[in-house]
Amino acid sequence: MIDVEIGMTPTGQRTFPLGFRIEFLRQWDQCLERGDKVRLLREHGLHRSTIDRWLQARERGEFTRSALAAAERSPHRMDGKQRAELARLRAENQALRAKVAQAEAAQEILGKAFELLDGINKGEISYDQIPPGLISPEEYQAWLERRKLS
């Protein structure tokens, strides 16, 4: 289904925007089975002569020229300076996103380190959670005695 809206002239005739014509011809080119093109014509209420004119215009390159002319008239058209600024801002945005992700990871690590140190200072963390290589020999000996392992 083509989702480009078909216009109407004041006299009631349909007008087909360039986007509709291009999409219709794309579907036209994909019709390979017997009767597909007739079905497509009936679906949109078009005559073969209209499609022949569109095919000839496409072959002459009129669609390309029309599309370029429409882009030239577009209020959203960017010049080279604006494109360069957009590219610079996108690169800066990506760099800042990476920096934020790195800062968030560092903040998470610091938070975990703070919790560990705070627990050690308050004595709330059991030595079961701390590897023996990170505690002093005296604390390790006391741990072994508490567990009745030495």
N, C-alpha and C. Protein backbone atom coordinates (compact mmCIF):
# COMPACT_ATOMS: atom_id res chain seq x y z
N MET A 1 0.84 -1.18 0.00
CA MET A 1 0.00 0.00 0.00
C MET A 1 0.88 1.24 0.00
N ILE A 2 0.53 2.20 -0.77
CA ILE A 2 1.29 3.44 -0.87
C ILE A 2 0.68 4.44 0.11
N ASP A 3 1.50 4.98 0.98
CA ASP A 3 0.98 5.87 2.01
C ASP A 3 1.21 7.35 1.71
N VAL A 4 1.38 7.70 0.44
CA VAL A 4 1.48 9.09 0.02
C VAL A 4 0.09 9.54 -0.40
N GLU A 5 -0.35 10.66 0.14
CA GLU A 5 -1.72 11.11 -0.11
C GLU A 5 -1.86 11.67 -1.52
N ILE A 6 -2.95 11.30 -2.17
CA ILE A 6 -3.26 11.78 -3.52
C ILE A 6 -4.05 13.08 -3.38
N GLY A 7 -3.67 14.10 -4.14
CA GLY A 7 -4.35 15.39 -4.06
C GLY A 7 -5.48 15.50 -5.07
N MET A 8 -6.23 16.60 -4.96
CA MET A 8 -7.34 16.87 -5.89
C MET A 8 -7.21 18.30 -6.40
N THR A 9 -7.48 18.47 -7.67
CA THR A 9 -7.49 19.81 -8.25
C THR A 9 -8.84 20.46 -7.96
N PRO A 10 -8.98 21.76 -8.18
CA PRO A 10 -10.29 22.41 -7.97
C PRO A 10 -11.39 21.82 -8.85
N THR A 11 -11.01 21.26 -9.98
CA THR A 11 -12.02 20.66 -10.87
C THR A 11 -12.34 19.22 -10.50
N GLY A 12 -11.68 18.68 -9.50
CA GLY A 12 -11.98 17.32 -9.04
C GLY A 12 -11.07 16.25 -9.61
N GLN A 13 -10.10 16.62 -10.42
CA GLN A 13 -9.17 15.62 -10.95
C GLN A 13 -8.12 15.29 -9.89
N ARG A 14 -7.68 14.04 -9.90
CA ARG A 14 -6.65 13.62 -8.94
C ARG A 14 -5.28 14.10 -9.41
N THR A 15 -4.45 14.48 -8.44
CA THR A 15 -3.05 14.82 -8.73
C THR A 15 -2.19 13.87 -7.92
N PHE A 16 -1.15 13.35 -8.55
CA PHE A 16 -0.31 12.36 -7.92
C PHE A 16 1.05 12.99 -7.60
N PRO A 17 1.39 13.12 -6.33
CA PRO A 17 2.69 13.67 -5.97
C PRO A 17 3.83 12.79 -6.47
N LEU A 18 4.99 13.38 -6.55
CA LEU A 18 6.17 12.66 -7.05
C LEU A 18 6.44 11.41 -6.22
N GLY A 19 6.28 11.52 -4.91
CA GLY A 19 6.51 10.36 -4.03
C GLY A 19 5.58 9.21 -4.36
N PHE A 20 4.32 9.52 -4.68
CA PHE A 20 3.37 8.47 -5.06
C PHE A 20 3.80 7.81 -6.35
N ARG A 21 4.17 8.63 -7.34
CA ARG A 21 4.56 8.08 -8.64
C ARG A 21 5.78 7.17 -8.51
N ILE A 22 6.76 7.62 -7.75
CA ILE A 22 7.98 6.81 -7.59
C ILE A 22 7.65 5.50 -6.90
N GLU A 23 6.87 5.54 -5.82
CA GLU A 23 6.51 4.32 -5.11
C GLU A 23 5.65 3.40 -5.98
N PHE A 24 4.70 3.99 -6.75
CA PHE A 24 3.87 3.18 -7.63
C PHE A 24 4.73 2.47 -8.67
N LEU A 25 5.67 3.19 -9.29
CA LEU A 25 6.52 2.57 -10.31
C LEU A 25 7.45 1.52 -9.70
N ARG A 26 7.83 1.71 -8.44
CA ARG A 26 8.64 0.69 -7.77
C ARG A 26 7.82 -0.59 -7.64
N GLN A 27 6.56 -0.45 -7.23
CA GLN A 27 5.69 -1.62 -7.13
C GLN A 27 5.40 -2.20 -8.51
N TRP A 28 5.26 -1.33 -9.50
CA TRP A 28 5.01 -1.76 -10.89
C TRP A 28 6.15 -2.65 -11.37
N ASP A 29 7.38 -2.24 -11.07
CA ASP A 29 8.55 -3.01 -11.49
C ASP A 29 8.63 -4.36 -10.79
N GLN A 30 8.01 -4.48 -9.63
CA GLN A 30 8.05 -5.74 -8.88
C GLN A 30 6.95 -6.71 -9.31
N CYS A 31 6.03 -6.26 -10.13
CA CYS A 31 4.94 -7.13 -10.60
C CYS A 31 5.49 -8.11 -11.64
N LEU A 32 5.56 -9.38 -11.28
CA LEU A 32 6.12 -10.39 -12.17
C LEU A 32 5.07 -11.42 -12.59
N GLU A 33 4.09 -11.67 -11.76
CA GLU A 33 3.08 -12.68 -12.05
C GLU A 33 2.05 -12.13 -13.04
N ARG A 34 1.42 -13.04 -13.73
CA ARG A 34 0.37 -12.66 -14.68
C ARG A 34 -0.78 -11.99 -13.93
N GLY A 35 -1.18 -10.82 -14.36
CA GLY A 35 -2.30 -10.10 -13.77
C GLY A 35 -1.94 -9.17 -12.63
N ASP A 36 -0.67 -9.18 -12.18
CA ASP A 36 -0.27 -8.31 -11.07
C ASP A 36 -0.37 -6.83 -11.44
N LYS A 37 0.05 -6.51 -12.66
CA LYS A 37 0.02 -5.10 -13.08
C LYS A 37 -1.42 -4.61 -13.23
N VAL A 38 -2.29 -5.44 -13.74
CA VAL A 38 -3.71 -5.06 -13.88
C VAL A 38 -4.32 -4.85 -12.49
N ARG A 39 -4.00 -5.74 -11.57
CA ARG A 39 -4.50 -5.61 -10.20
C ARG A 39 -4.02 -4.30 -9.58
N LEU A 40 -2.75 -3.95 -9.80
CA LEU A 40 -2.20 -2.71 -9.26
C LEU A 40 -2.89 -1.49 -9.87
N LEU A 41 -3.15 -1.54 -11.17
CA LEU A 41 -3.87 -0.44 -11.83
C LEU A 41 -5.28 -0.29 -11.23
N ARG A 42 -5.97 -1.39 -11.06
CA ARG A 42 -7.34 -1.34 -10.53
C ARG A 42 -7.35 -0.89 -9.08
N GLU A 43 -6.37 -1.34 -8.33
CA GLU A 43 -6.28 -0.98 -6.91
C GLU A 43 -6.21 0.54 -6.72
N HIS A 44 -5.51 1.21 -7.62
CA HIS A 44 -5.34 2.66 -7.50
C HIS A 44 -6.21 3.44 -8.49
N GLY A 45 -6.99 2.74 -9.28
CA GLY A 45 -7.89 3.40 -10.22
C GLY A 45 -7.16 4.18 -11.30
N LEU A 46 -6.11 3.60 -11.83
CA LEU A 46 -5.30 4.26 -12.85
C LEU A 46 -5.45 3.58 -14.20
N HIS A 47 -5.13 4.32 -15.26
CA HIS A 47 -5.16 3.78 -16.63
C HIS A 47 -3.73 3.51 -17.08
N ARG A 48 -3.61 2.58 -17.98
CA ARG A 48 -2.30 2.20 -18.49
C ARG A 48 -1.60 3.38 -19.16
N SER A 49 -2.34 4.27 -19.82
CA SER A 49 -1.73 5.42 -20.50
C SER A 49 -1.04 6.35 -19.49
N THR A 50 -1.62 6.49 -18.31
CA THR A 50 -1.00 7.32 -17.26
C THR A 50 0.32 6.71 -16.84
N ILE A 51 0.32 5.42 -16.65
CA ILE A 51 1.54 4.72 -16.23
C ILE A 51 2.60 4.80 -17.32
N ASP A 52 2.18 4.69 -18.59
CA ASP A 52 3.14 4.81 -19.69
C ASP A 52 3.81 6.19 -19.67
N ARG A 53 3.04 7.25 -19.39
CA ARG A 53 3.64 8.59 -19.31
C ARG A 53 4.63 8.67 -18.16
N TRP A 54 4.27 8.07 -17.02
CA TRP A 54 5.17 8.07 -15.87
C TRP A 54 6.45 7.29 -16.17
N LEU A 55 6.32 6.16 -16.85
CA LEU A 55 7.50 5.36 -17.20
C LEU A 55 8.42 6.13 -18.15
N GLN A 56 7.83 6.82 -19.12
CA GLN A 56 8.64 7.62 -20.05
C GLN A 56 9.32 8.77 -19.32
N ALA A 57 8.61 9.42 -18.41
CA ALA A 57 9.20 10.52 -17.64
C ALA A 57 10.35 10.01 -16.79
N ARG A 58 10.19 8.83 -16.21
CA ARG A 58 11.27 8.26 -15.40
C ARG A 58 12.49 7.96 -16.25
N GLU A 59 12.26 7.41 -17.45
CA GLU A 59 13.37 7.09 -18.34
C GLU A 59 14.10 8.36 -18.79
N ARG A 60 13.38 9.44 -18.97
CA ARG A 60 14.00 10.72 -19.37
C ARG A 60 14.70 11.40 -18.21
N GLY A 61 14.51 10.91 -16.99
CA GLY A 61 15.16 11.49 -15.82
C GLY A 61 14.39 12.65 -15.21
N GLU A 62 13.13 12.80 -15.59
CA GLU A 62 12.34 13.92 -15.07
C GLU A 62 12.05 13.76 -13.58
N PHE A 63 11.91 12.55 -13.11
CA PHE A 63 11.63 12.34 -11.68
C PHE A 63 12.83 12.79 -10.85
N THR A 64 14.02 12.48 -11.33
CA THR A 64 15.22 12.88 -10.60
C THR A 64 15.34 14.39 -10.56
N ARG A 65 15.12 15.04 -11.70
CA ARG A 65 15.18 16.50 -11.74
C ARG A 65 14.12 17.12 -10.84
N SER A 66 12.92 16.54 -10.85
CA SER A 66 11.84 17.06 -10.00
C SER A 66 12.18 16.90 -8.52
N ALA A 67 12.76 15.77 -8.19
CA ALA A 67 13.13 15.54 -6.79
C ALA A 67 14.21 16.52 -6.35
N LEU A 68 15.20 16.75 -7.22
CA LEU A 68 16.26 17.71 -6.89
C LEU A 68 15.70 19.12 -6.77
N ALA A 69 14.81 19.49 -7.67
CA ALA A 69 14.21 20.82 -7.61
C ALA A 69 13.40 20.98 -6.32
N ALA A 70 12.68 19.95 -5.93
CA ALA A 70 11.90 20.02 -4.68
C ALA A 70 12.83 20.14 -3.48
N ALA A 71 13.95 19.44 -3.52
CA ALA A 71 14.92 19.54 -2.43
C ALA A 71 15.52 20.94 -2.36
N GLU A 72 15.75 21.54 -3.53
CA GLU A 72 16.29 22.90 -3.58
C GLU A 72 15.31 23.90 -2.95
N ARG A 73 14.03 23.68 -3.16
CA ARG A 73 13.01 24.60 -2.64
C ARG A 73 12.68 24.33 -1.18
N SER A 74 13.12 23.22 -0.65
CA SER A 74 12.76 22.82 0.70
C SER A 74 13.25 23.83 1.74
N PRO A 75 12.39 24.19 2.71
CA PRO A 75 12.83 25.11 3.76
C PRO A 75 13.81 24.45 4.72
N HIS A 76 13.91 23.12 4.68
CA HIS A 76 14.80 22.39 5.59
C HIS A 76 16.14 22.06 4.94
N ARG A 77 16.41 22.64 3.80
CA ARG A 77 17.64 22.36 3.08
C ARG A 77 18.83 22.93 3.84
N MET A 78 19.92 22.16 3.91
CA MET A 78 21.10 22.60 4.63
C MET A 78 22.22 22.87 3.64
N ASP A 79 22.99 23.92 3.93
CA ASP A 79 24.15 24.18 3.10
C ASP A 79 25.35 23.46 3.72
N GLY A 80 26.50 23.59 3.08
CA GLY A 80 27.69 22.87 3.54
C GLY A 80 28.11 23.24 4.95
N LYS A 81 27.96 24.51 5.30
CA LYS A 81 28.34 24.98 6.63
C LYS A 81 27.46 24.33 7.70
N GLN A 82 26.16 24.24 7.42
CA GLN A 82 25.24 23.63 8.37
C GLN A 82 25.48 22.13 8.49
N ARG A 83 25.82 21.49 7.37
CA ARG A 83 26.12 20.05 7.42
C ARG A 83 27.36 19.80 8.26
N ALA A 84 28.38 20.64 8.09
CA ALA A 84 29.60 20.48 8.86
C ALA A 84 29.32 20.68 10.35
N GLU A 85 28.50 21.67 10.68
CA GLU A 85 28.14 21.92 12.07
C GLU A 85 27.36 20.73 12.64
N LEU A 86 26.45 20.18 11.85
CA LEU A 86 25.68 19.02 12.28
C LEU A 86 26.60 17.82 12.54
N ALA A 87 27.53 17.59 11.64
CA ALA A 87 28.47 16.48 11.82
C ALA A 87 29.32 16.69 13.07
N ARG A 88 29.77 17.93 13.28
CA ARG A 88 30.58 18.23 14.47
C ARG A 88 29.76 18.00 15.74
N LEU A 89 28.51 18.45 15.74
CA LEU A 89 27.66 18.27 16.93
C LEU A 89 27.34 16.80 17.19
N ARG A 90 27.16 16.04 16.12
CA ARG A 90 26.90 14.60 16.31
C ARG A 90 28.12 13.91 16.91
N ALA A 91 29.30 14.26 16.42
CA ALA A 91 30.53 13.66 16.97
C ALA A 91 30.71 14.07 18.43
N GLU A 92 30.45 15.33 18.74
CA GLU A 92 30.56 15.81 20.11
C GLU A 92 29.55 15.09 21.00
N ASN A 93 28.34 14.91 20.50
CA ASN A 93 27.29 14.22 21.25
C ASN A 93 27.74 12.79 21.56
N GLN A 94 28.29 12.11 20.59
CA GLN A 94 28.74 10.73 20.80
C GLN A 94 29.87 10.68 21.83
N ALA A 95 30.81 11.63 21.74
CA ALA A 95 31.92 11.67 22.70
C ALA A 95 31.39 11.92 24.11
N LEU A 96 30.42 12.81 24.24
CA LEU A 96 29.86 13.11 25.56
C LEU A 96 29.08 11.92 26.11
N ARG A 97 28.40 11.19 25.23
CA ARG A 97 27.70 9.99 25.70
C ARG A 97 28.69 8.96 26.25
N ALA A 98 29.82 8.80 25.56
CA ALA A 98 30.84 7.86 26.03
C ALA A 98 31.41 8.32 27.37
N LYS A 99 31.61 9.62 27.50
CA LYS A 99 32.14 10.18 28.74
C LYS A 99 31.16 9.97 29.90
N VAL A 100 29.88 10.17 29.64
CA VAL A 100 28.86 9.95 30.67
C VAL A 100 28.82 8.48 31.07
N ALA A 101 28.89 7.58 30.12
CA ALA A 101 28.88 6.15 30.43
C ALA A 101 30.09 5.78 31.29
N GLN A 102 31.24 6.35 30.97
CA GLN A 102 32.45 6.09 31.75
C GLN A 102 32.30 6.65 33.17
N ALA A 103 31.76 7.85 33.28
CA ALA A 103 31.57 8.46 34.61
C ALA A 103 30.57 7.66 35.44
N GLU A 104 29.52 7.16 34.82
CA GLU A 104 28.54 6.35 35.55
C GLU A 104 29.16 5.06 36.04
N ALA A 105 30.01 4.44 35.22
CA ALA A 105 30.69 3.21 35.64
C ALA A 105 31.63 3.49 36.81
N ALA A 106 32.36 4.60 36.72
CA ALA A 106 33.26 4.97 37.81
C ALA A 106 32.48 5.26 39.09
N GLN A 107 31.35 5.92 38.96
CA GLN A 107 30.52 6.23 40.13
C GLN A 107 30.01 4.95 40.78
N GLU A 108 29.62 3.99 39.97
CA GLU A 108 29.16 2.72 40.51
C GLU A 108 30.27 2.00 41.27
N ILE A 109 31.47 2.01 40.70
CA ILE A 109 32.62 1.36 41.36
C ILE A 109 32.94 2.07 42.67
N LEU A 110 32.94 3.40 42.66
CA LEU A 110 33.23 4.16 43.88
C LEU A 110 32.16 3.90 44.94
N GLY A 111 30.91 3.77 44.52
CA GLY A 111 29.85 3.48 45.48
C GLY A 111 30.05 2.14 46.15
N LYS A 112 30.44 1.14 45.37
CA LYS A 112 30.69 -0.18 45.94
C LYS A 112 31.90 -0.16 46.87
N ALA A 113 32.95 0.57 46.47
CA ALA A 113 34.14 0.68 47.32
C ALA A 113 33.79 1.38 48.63
N PHE A 114 32.97 2.42 48.57
CA PHE A 114 32.56 3.14 49.77
C PHE A 114 31.79 2.22 50.70
N GLU A 115 30.85 1.44 50.14
CA GLU A 115 30.08 0.51 50.97
C GLU A 115 30.98 -0.51 51.63
N LEU A 116 31.96 -1.01 50.90
CA LEU A 116 32.89 -1.99 51.46
C LEU A 116 33.72 -1.38 52.58
N LEU A 117 34.27 -0.20 52.33
CA LEU A 117 35.09 0.45 53.35
C LEU A 117 34.25 0.86 54.56
N ASP A 118 33.05 1.33 54.32
CA ASP A 118 32.17 1.72 55.41
C ASP A 118 31.82 0.51 56.26
N GLY A 119 31.57 -0.62 55.60
CA GLY A 119 31.27 -1.83 56.35
C GLY A 119 32.45 -2.32 57.14
N ILE A 120 33.65 -2.20 56.59
CA ILE A 120 34.86 -2.61 57.30
C ILE A 120 35.07 -1.72 58.52
N ASN A 121 34.88 -0.42 58.35
CA ASN A 121 35.08 0.52 59.46
C ASN A 121 34.07 0.27 60.57
N LYS A 122 32.85 -0.07 60.22
CA LYS A 122 31.82 -0.32 61.23
C LYS A 122 31.88 -1.74 61.77
N GLY A 123 32.66 -2.59 61.13
CA GLY A 123 32.80 -3.96 61.58
C GLY A 123 31.60 -4.82 61.24
N GLU A 124 30.77 -4.37 60.34
CA GLU A 124 29.57 -5.12 59.99
C GLU A 124 29.83 -6.21 58.95
N ILE A 125 30.93 -6.12 58.24
CA ILE A 125 31.21 -7.09 57.21
C ILE A 125 32.00 -8.23 57.83
N SER A 126 31.54 -9.45 57.59
CA SER A 126 32.26 -10.60 58.13
C SER A 126 33.47 -10.86 57.24
N TYR A 127 34.44 -11.49 57.80
CA TYR A 127 35.65 -11.78 57.04
C TYR A 127 35.44 -12.91 56.04
N ASP A 128 34.24 -13.49 56.04
CA ASP A 128 33.93 -14.50 55.03
C ASP A 128 33.87 -13.85 53.65
N GLN A 129 33.50 -12.57 53.63
CA GLN A 129 33.33 -11.87 52.36
C GLN A 129 34.64 -11.29 51.84
N ILE A 130 35.63 -11.18 52.70
CA ILE A 130 36.90 -10.57 52.31
C ILE A 130 37.92 -11.66 52.07
N PRO A 131 38.58 -11.65 50.92
CA PRO A 131 39.61 -12.66 50.67
C PRO A 131 40.74 -12.54 51.69
N PRO A 132 41.31 -13.66 52.15
CA PRO A 132 42.36 -13.63 53.19
C PRO A 132 43.56 -12.77 52.79
N GLY A 133 43.82 -12.61 51.53
CA GLY A 133 44.97 -11.80 51.11
C GLY A 133 44.78 -10.32 51.37
N LEU A 134 43.58 -9.87 51.67
CA LEU A 134 43.30 -8.46 51.88
C LEU A 134 43.22 -8.06 53.36
N ILE A 135 43.37 -9.03 54.27
CA ILE A 135 43.32 -8.69 55.70
C ILE A 135 44.70 -8.95 56.30
N SER A 136 44.95 -8.32 57.43
CA SER A 136 46.26 -8.44 58.06
C SER A 136 46.43 -9.85 58.63
N PRO A 137 47.67 -10.24 58.87
CA PRO A 137 47.90 -11.59 59.42
C PRO A 137 47.24 -11.78 60.80
N GLU A 138 47.21 -10.72 61.61
CA GLU A 138 46.58 -10.83 62.93
C GLU A 138 45.07 -11.06 62.78
N GLU A 139 44.44 -10.30 61.86
CA GLU A 139 43.01 -10.47 61.65
C GLU A 139 42.70 -11.85 61.08
N TYR A 140 43.58 -12.34 60.22
CA TYR A 140 43.39 -13.66 59.65
C TYR A 140 43.50 -14.73 60.73
N GLN A 141 44.48 -14.58 61.63
CA GLN A 141 44.64 -15.54 62.73
C GLN A 141 43.42 -15.52 63.63
N ALA A 142 42.89 -14.31 63.91
CA ALA A 142 41.69 -14.21 64.74
C ALA A 142 40.50 -14.86 64.04
N TRP A 143 40.43 -14.72 62.75
CA TRP A 143 39.35 -15.34 61.98
C TRP A 143 39.43 -16.86 62.06
N LEU A 144 40.66 -17.39 61.91
CA LEU A 144 40.85 -18.83 62.01
C LEU A 144 40.46 -19.35 63.39
N GLU A 145 40.79 -18.60 64.44
CA GLU A 145 40.45 -19.03 65.80
C GLU A 145 38.94 -19.00 66.03
N ARG A 146 38.27 -17.95 65.52
CA ARG A 146 36.82 -17.88 65.65
C ARG A 146 36.13 -19.06 64.96
N ARG A 147 36.70 -19.50 63.88
CA ARG A 147 36.13 -20.61 63.14
C ARG A 147 36.62 -21.96 63.65
N LYS A 148 37.48 -21.89 64.62
CA LYS A 148 38.09 -23.10 65.21
C LYS A 148 38.79 -23.92 64.14
N LEU A 149 39.55 -23.19 63.32
CA LEU A 149 40.29 -23.85 62.24
C LEU A 149 41.78 -23.94 62.55
N SER A 150 42.26 -23.30 63.60
CA SER A 150 43.69 -23.40 63.88
C SER A 150 43.93 -24.02 65.23
